[in-house]
Amino acid sequence: LNSILQRLVFKSGLSVGKGITQVQQPFFDEDKLYVDTPGLDDPYLREQAAKEIENALKHGGYYKIVFIATFEAGRIRASDLTTINAVCNAIQTPFQYGLIFNKVTKQFVRQIQSFTQVDLYQASDQDFSDLLAPLLTTLHKKPQLVTLLMAVDDMQDENNVFFTPDEPNLQKLNHFLHDLSANSITLNQVGVIDVYNFEQRVIEMERKYNESQAKWEEQINKLTVIVEQQKTITKQMDQHPISVTTSLTTSLVVVIIAYTYLCSLRMRLL
């Protein structure tokens, strides 16, 4: 939020043991109300945090709801996914929300690009939504838009810093918020955010996430095998155009059809 406002309004930075934000922090700027709310990770402050989020949703008016999550060792945190479900379940009217993955490392981007062939630095928010969809199957409600904000070395573990005007992350963030739908939410359309048995739900979320990730990786591995087979056949045909064409016509058609099908499957998955 400080980056959007281009000034220090909300405390941010490294906090050990608990989040910096423990109560909702509202701030008016022109005709907009910005509200920073706590997360649900801290077991000692969880009920209070849930109430703060609930109250933040009861100001009335049009909301643009954004969740901030992170990757840890290339995986989405189960507690983040569980929090999104808990908050979304409490909103009792149709709505859209956005999901931002913050502090994404270059190594993670290289890993994703290596098997998707998608240039993440040029990808749109809709591309990110499609790309990460297989890893978000455990969400009860899917995000309208997803974006990735890259880690900035000079900002790592620093307190109260924000993106400079020339930072690409800021441009991406502003574009994301511009395209995200606003939702009319009234006070009586917000129920209680249920945090009962939250830690057990995180464990169950972890199990489901592992299953969805395993299926996703299996599809990617199958696709990789098919692509390599197609490359091998193409190479053989280039080296022996006459003798190979006759003997491999049938298998080549099968591989090309399978390759086309899996490319289509890959686009739906990613």
Protein backbone atom coordinates (compact mmCIF):
# COMPACT_ATOMS: atom_id res chain seq x y z
CA LEU A 1 0.00 0.00 0.00
CA ASN A 2 2.89 2.36 0.70
CA SER A 3 4.09 1.78 -2.86
CA ILE A 4 0.68 2.71 -4.27
CA LEU A 5 0.51 5.85 -2.15
CA GLN A 6 4.22 6.61 -2.70
CA ARG A 7 4.70 7.55 0.94
CA LEU A 8 5.03 5.83 4.29
CA VAL A 9 1.57 5.28 5.77
CA PHE A 10 1.54 1.65 6.89
CA LYS A 11 4.29 -0.04 8.88
CA SER A 12 6.06 -2.80 6.98
CA GLY A 13 9.15 -4.94 7.16
CA LEU A 14 10.60 -7.93 8.97
CA SER A 15 8.82 -9.18 12.08
CA VAL A 16 9.87 -12.22 14.11
CA GLY A 17 7.17 -14.36 15.69
CA LYS A 18 4.16 -12.26 14.71
CA GLY A 19 3.00 -9.92 11.97
CA ILE A 20 3.60 -6.20 12.11
CA THR A 21 -0.08 -5.47 11.39
CA GLN A 22 -2.24 -6.62 14.31
CA VAL A 23 -5.29 -4.39 13.83
CA GLN A 24 -6.82 -2.97 10.67
CA GLN A 25 -5.13 0.23 9.53
CA PRO A 26 -7.47 2.44 7.49
CA PHE A 27 -6.21 5.44 5.54
CA PHE A 28 -8.16 7.87 3.35
CA ASP A 29 -6.49 9.26 0.24
CA GLU A 30 -8.69 11.58 -1.82
CA ASP A 31 -11.89 9.55 -2.34
CA LYS A 32 -10.40 6.12 -1.60
CA LEU A 33 -10.10 4.20 1.67
CA TYR A 34 -7.11 1.89 1.94
CA VAL A 35 -7.18 -0.76 4.66
CA ASP A 36 -4.28 -2.98 5.72
CA THR A 37 -5.39 -5.99 7.76
CA PRO A 38 -3.51 -8.64 9.76
CA GLY A 39 -3.10 -12.24 8.64
CA LEU A 40 -4.32 -15.35 10.44
CA ASP A 41 -0.97 -17.08 11.01
CA ASP A 42 -0.43 -16.08 14.64
CA PRO A 43 -2.38 -18.55 16.85
CA TYR A 44 -2.44 -16.09 19.77
CA LEU A 45 -3.88 -13.24 17.71
CA ARG A 46 -5.92 -15.26 15.21
CA GLU A 47 -9.39 -14.53 16.59
CA GLN A 48 -8.57 -10.85 16.95
CA ALA A 49 -7.14 -10.76 13.41
CA ALA A 50 -10.26 -12.46 12.02
CA LYS A 51 -12.43 -9.83 13.70
CA GLU A 52 -10.25 -7.03 12.30
CA ILE A 53 -10.62 -8.41 8.76
CA GLU A 54 -14.37 -8.79 9.27
CA ASN A 55 -14.66 -5.18 10.45
CA ALA A 56 -12.57 -3.97 7.51
CA LEU A 57 -15.11 -5.54 5.16
CA LYS A 58 -17.99 -3.76 6.92
CA HIS A 59 -17.11 -0.18 5.99
CA GLY A 60 -19.61 -0.42 3.14
CA GLY A 61 -19.13 0.68 -0.45
CA TYR A 62 -17.11 -0.77 -3.32
CA TYR A 63 -14.13 -2.94 -2.46
CA LYS A 64 -11.11 -4.13 -4.37
CA ILE A 65 -10.01 -7.12 -2.33
CA VAL A 66 -6.38 -8.21 -2.61
CA PHE A 67 -4.60 -11.06 -0.85
CA ILE A 68 -0.80 -11.02 -0.56
CA ALA A 69 0.93 -14.41 -0.53
CA THR A 70 4.48 -15.70 -0.92
CA PHE A 71 6.24 -18.76 -2.27
CA GLU A 72 8.46 -20.79 0.02
CA ALA A 73 10.89 -23.10 -1.80
CA GLY A 74 8.66 -22.75 -4.88
CA ARG A 75 5.50 -23.73 -3.00
CA ILE A 76 2.46 -21.69 -2.00
CA ARG A 77 2.08 -21.58 1.78
CA ALA A 78 -0.85 -23.69 2.95
CA SER A 79 -1.69 -21.10 5.62
CA ASP A 80 -2.10 -18.44 2.91
CA LEU A 81 -4.51 -20.64 0.96
CA THR A 82 -6.44 -21.47 4.15
CA THR A 83 -6.71 -17.77 5.01
CA ILE A 84 -8.08 -16.93 1.56
CA ASN A 85 -10.75 -19.62 1.92
CA ALA A 86 -11.73 -18.43 5.41
CA VAL A 87 -12.17 -14.80 4.30
CA CYS A 88 -13.94 -15.63 1.04
CA ASN A 89 -16.37 -17.95 2.83
CA ALA A 90 -17.43 -15.05 5.06
CA ILE A 91 -18.47 -12.79 2.16
CA GLN A 92 -22.08 -13.61 1.36
CA THR A 93 -22.49 -11.87 -1.98
CA PRO A 94 -20.90 -12.35 -5.42
CA PHE A 95 -17.48 -10.72 -5.59
CA GLN A 96 -14.06 -10.88 -7.23
CA TYR A 97 -10.61 -10.66 -5.66
CA GLY A 98 -7.00 -10.44 -6.71
CA LEU A 99 -3.98 -12.43 -5.57
CA ILE A 100 -0.46 -11.02 -5.46
CA PHE A 101 2.60 -13.21 -4.94
CA ASN A 102 5.22 -10.95 -3.39
CA LYS A 103 9.02 -11.19 -3.28
CA VAL A 104 9.26 -13.73 -6.10
CA THR A 105 12.87 -14.77 -6.73
CA LYS A 106 14.63 -14.90 -10.09
CA GLN A 107 15.42 -18.57 -9.47
CA PHE A 108 11.71 -19.38 -9.16
CA VAL A 109 10.98 -17.48 -12.38
CA ARG A 110 13.68 -19.44 -14.22
CA GLN A 111 12.23 -22.74 -12.99
CA ILE A 112 8.73 -21.84 -14.18
CA GLN A 113 9.97 -20.56 -17.54
CA SER A 114 12.06 -23.68 -18.14
CA PHE A 115 8.99 -25.89 -18.64
CA THR A 116 6.25 -23.42 -19.54
CA GLN A 117 8.19 -21.43 -22.15
CA VAL A 118 6.29 -18.37 -20.89
CA ASP A 119 8.20 -15.13 -20.47
CA LEU A 120 7.03 -14.18 -16.98
CA TYR A 121 8.55 -10.72 -17.30
CA GLN A 122 6.22 -9.97 -20.22
CA ALA A 123 3.21 -12.02 -19.10
CA SER A 124 -0.13 -10.40 -18.35
CA ASP A 125 -2.08 -10.83 -15.12
CA GLN A 126 -4.43 -13.19 -16.96
CA ASP A 127 -1.40 -15.22 -18.06
CA PHE A 128 -0.37 -15.56 -14.42
CA SER A 129 -3.92 -16.60 -13.49
CA ASP A 130 -3.87 -19.36 -16.11
CA LEU A 131 -0.30 -20.37 -15.32
CA LEU A 132 -0.87 -20.86 -11.59
CA ALA A 133 -4.42 -22.23 -11.83
CA PRO A 134 -3.33 -25.87 -11.22
CA LEU A 135 -1.73 -24.80 -7.93
CA LEU A 136 -4.86 -22.95 -6.79
CA THR A 137 -7.36 -25.81 -7.11
CA THR A 138 -7.70 -25.98 -3.31
CA LEU A 139 -9.25 -22.51 -3.21
CA HIS A 140 -13.03 -22.48 -2.83
CA LYS A 141 -13.19 -19.36 -4.99
CA LYS A 142 -10.62 -18.67 -7.71
CA PRO A 143 -9.02 -15.21 -8.02
CA GLN A 144 -10.02 -12.95 -10.87
CA LEU A 145 -6.42 -11.88 -11.42
CA VAL A 146 -3.02 -13.06 -10.23
CA THR A 147 0.27 -11.22 -10.51
CA LEU A 148 3.87 -11.73 -9.40
CA LEU A 149 6.01 -8.99 -7.88
CA MET A 150 9.72 -9.65 -8.04
CA ALA A 151 12.00 -9.52 -5.01
CA VAL A 152 14.06 -6.32 -4.91
CA ASP A 153 17.50 -6.83 -3.35
CA ASP A 154 17.69 -3.38 -1.80
CA MET A 155 14.34 -3.90 -0.05
CA GLN A 156 14.99 -7.35 1.45
CA ASP A 157 14.42 -7.41 5.24
CA GLU A 158 14.25 -3.61 5.34
CA ASN A 159 11.60 -1.78 7.31
CA ASN A 160 9.19 0.78 5.88
CA VAL A 161 10.42 0.79 2.28
CA PHE A 162 8.36 0.88 -0.91
CA PHE A 163 8.78 0.74 -4.70
CA THR A 164 10.26 3.80 -6.39
CA PRO A 165 8.35 5.40 -9.31
CA ASP A 166 10.66 3.78 -11.88
CA GLU A 167 10.41 0.29 -10.36
CA PRO A 168 8.76 -2.20 -12.81
CA ASN A 169 6.94 -3.77 -9.86
CA LEU A 170 5.07 -0.52 -9.25
CA GLN A 171 3.91 -0.31 -12.84
CA LYS A 172 2.71 -3.92 -12.67
CA LEU A 173 0.97 -3.30 -9.35
CA ASN A 174 -0.88 -0.23 -10.61
CA HIS A 175 -1.98 -2.05 -13.75
CA PHE A 176 -3.19 -4.99 -11.65
CA LEU A 177 -5.30 -2.78 -9.37
CA HIS A 178 -6.71 -0.87 -12.33
CA ASP A 179 -7.96 -4.08 -13.98
CA LEU A 180 -9.27 -5.70 -10.79
CA SER A 181 -13.06 -5.49 -10.43
CA ALA A 182 -14.63 -3.47 -7.62
CA ASN A 183 -17.33 -5.18 -5.55
CA SER A 184 -20.28 -3.67 -3.72
CA ILE A 185 -20.30 -5.18 -0.22
CA THR A 186 -22.67 -4.04 2.50
CA LEU A 187 -22.36 -4.61 6.23
CA ASN A 188 -25.02 -7.35 6.34
CA GLN A 189 -23.27 -9.28 3.54
CA VAL A 190 -20.24 -10.07 5.72
CA GLY A 191 -20.42 -12.99 8.09
CA VAL A 192 -18.07 -14.25 10.79
CA ILE A 193 -14.62 -15.35 9.61
CA ASP A 194 -14.36 -18.88 10.95
CA VAL A 195 -10.93 -19.69 12.39
CA TYR A 196 -12.02 -22.70 14.45
CA ASN A 197 -9.57 -25.59 14.07
CA PHE A 198 -7.51 -23.40 11.74
CA GLU A 199 -4.23 -25.27 12.19
CA GLN A 200 -5.87 -28.61 11.36
CA ARG A 201 -7.33 -27.02 8.24
CA VAL A 202 -3.84 -25.86 7.26
CA ILE A 203 -2.59 -29.46 7.56
CA GLU A 204 -5.46 -30.68 5.37
CA MET A 205 -4.75 -27.88 2.90
CA GLU A 206 -1.11 -28.98 2.72
CA ARG A 207 -2.21 -32.54 1.88
CA LYS A 208 -4.57 -31.38 -0.88
CA TYR A 209 -1.99 -28.97 -2.25
CA ASN A 210 0.59 -31.78 -2.47
CA GLU A 211 -1.88 -33.88 -4.43
CA SER A 212 -2.67 -31.09 -6.90
CA GLN A 213 1.00 -30.25 -7.35
CA ALA A 214 1.85 -33.92 -7.98
CA LYS A 215 -0.84 -34.14 -10.69
CA TRP A 216 0.42 -30.92 -12.25
CA GLU A 217 4.02 -32.14 -12.32
CA GLU A 218 2.88 -35.48 -13.78
CA GLN A 219 1.17 -33.70 -16.68
CA ILE A 220 4.24 -31.56 -17.25
CA ASN A 221 6.49 -34.63 -17.26
CA LYS A 222 4.24 -36.39 -19.79
CA LEU A 223 4.30 -33.33 -21.99
CA THR A 224 8.09 -33.14 -21.77
CA VAL A 225 8.43 -36.78 -22.89
CA ILE A 226 6.13 -36.23 -25.88
CA VAL A 227 7.98 -33.08 -26.90
CA GLU A 228 11.34 -34.86 -26.72
CA GLN A 229 9.98 -37.73 -28.84
CA GLN A 230 8.74 -35.25 -31.41
CA LYS A 231 12.14 -33.54 -31.49
CA THR A 232 13.90 -36.89 -31.97
CA ILE A 233 11.65 -37.88 -34.87
CA THR A 234 12.04 -34.48 -36.50
CA LYS A 235 15.83 -34.78 -36.20
CA GLN A 236 15.76 -38.27 -37.74
CA MET A 237 13.64 -37.06 -40.64
CA ASP A 238 16.01 -34.17 -41.26
CA GLN A 239 18.97 -36.58 -41.35
CA HIS A 240 17.28 -39.28 -43.44
CA PRO A 241 14.41 -37.63 -45.31
CA ILE A 242 13.62 -40.50 -47.72
CA SER A 243 14.05 -43.68 -45.69
CA VAL A 244 12.71 -42.31 -42.43
CA THR A 245 9.64 -40.61 -43.84
CA THR A 246 8.05 -43.87 -44.93
CA SER A 247 8.81 -45.86 -41.81
CA LEU A 248 7.87 -43.13 -39.32
CA THR A 249 4.84 -41.57 -40.96
CA THR A 250 2.34 -43.26 -38.64
CA SER A 251 4.26 -42.63 -35.43
CA LEU A 252 4.97 -39.06 -36.44
CA VAL A 253 1.25 -38.37 -36.90
CA VAL A 254 0.54 -39.92 -33.52
CA VAL A 255 3.24 -37.86 -31.83
CA ILE A 256 2.14 -34.64 -33.52
CA ILE A 257 -1.50 -35.25 -32.56
CA ALA A 258 -0.49 -36.08 -29.00
CA TYR A 259 1.80 -33.07 -28.90
CA THR A 260 -1.00 -30.79 -30.12
CA TYR A 261 -3.43 -32.25 -27.60
CA LEU A 262 -1.02 -31.86 -24.71
CA CYS A 263 -0.15 -28.32 -25.74
CA SER A 264 -3.86 -27.55 -25.54
CA LEU A 265 -4.05 -29.35 -22.19
CA ARG A 266 -0.99 -27.45 -21.01
CA MET A 267 -2.56 -24.11 -21.86
CA ARG A 268 -5.68 -25.06 -19.90
CA LEU A 269 -3.62 -26.21 -16.96
CA LEU A 270 -1.23 -23.30 -16.96
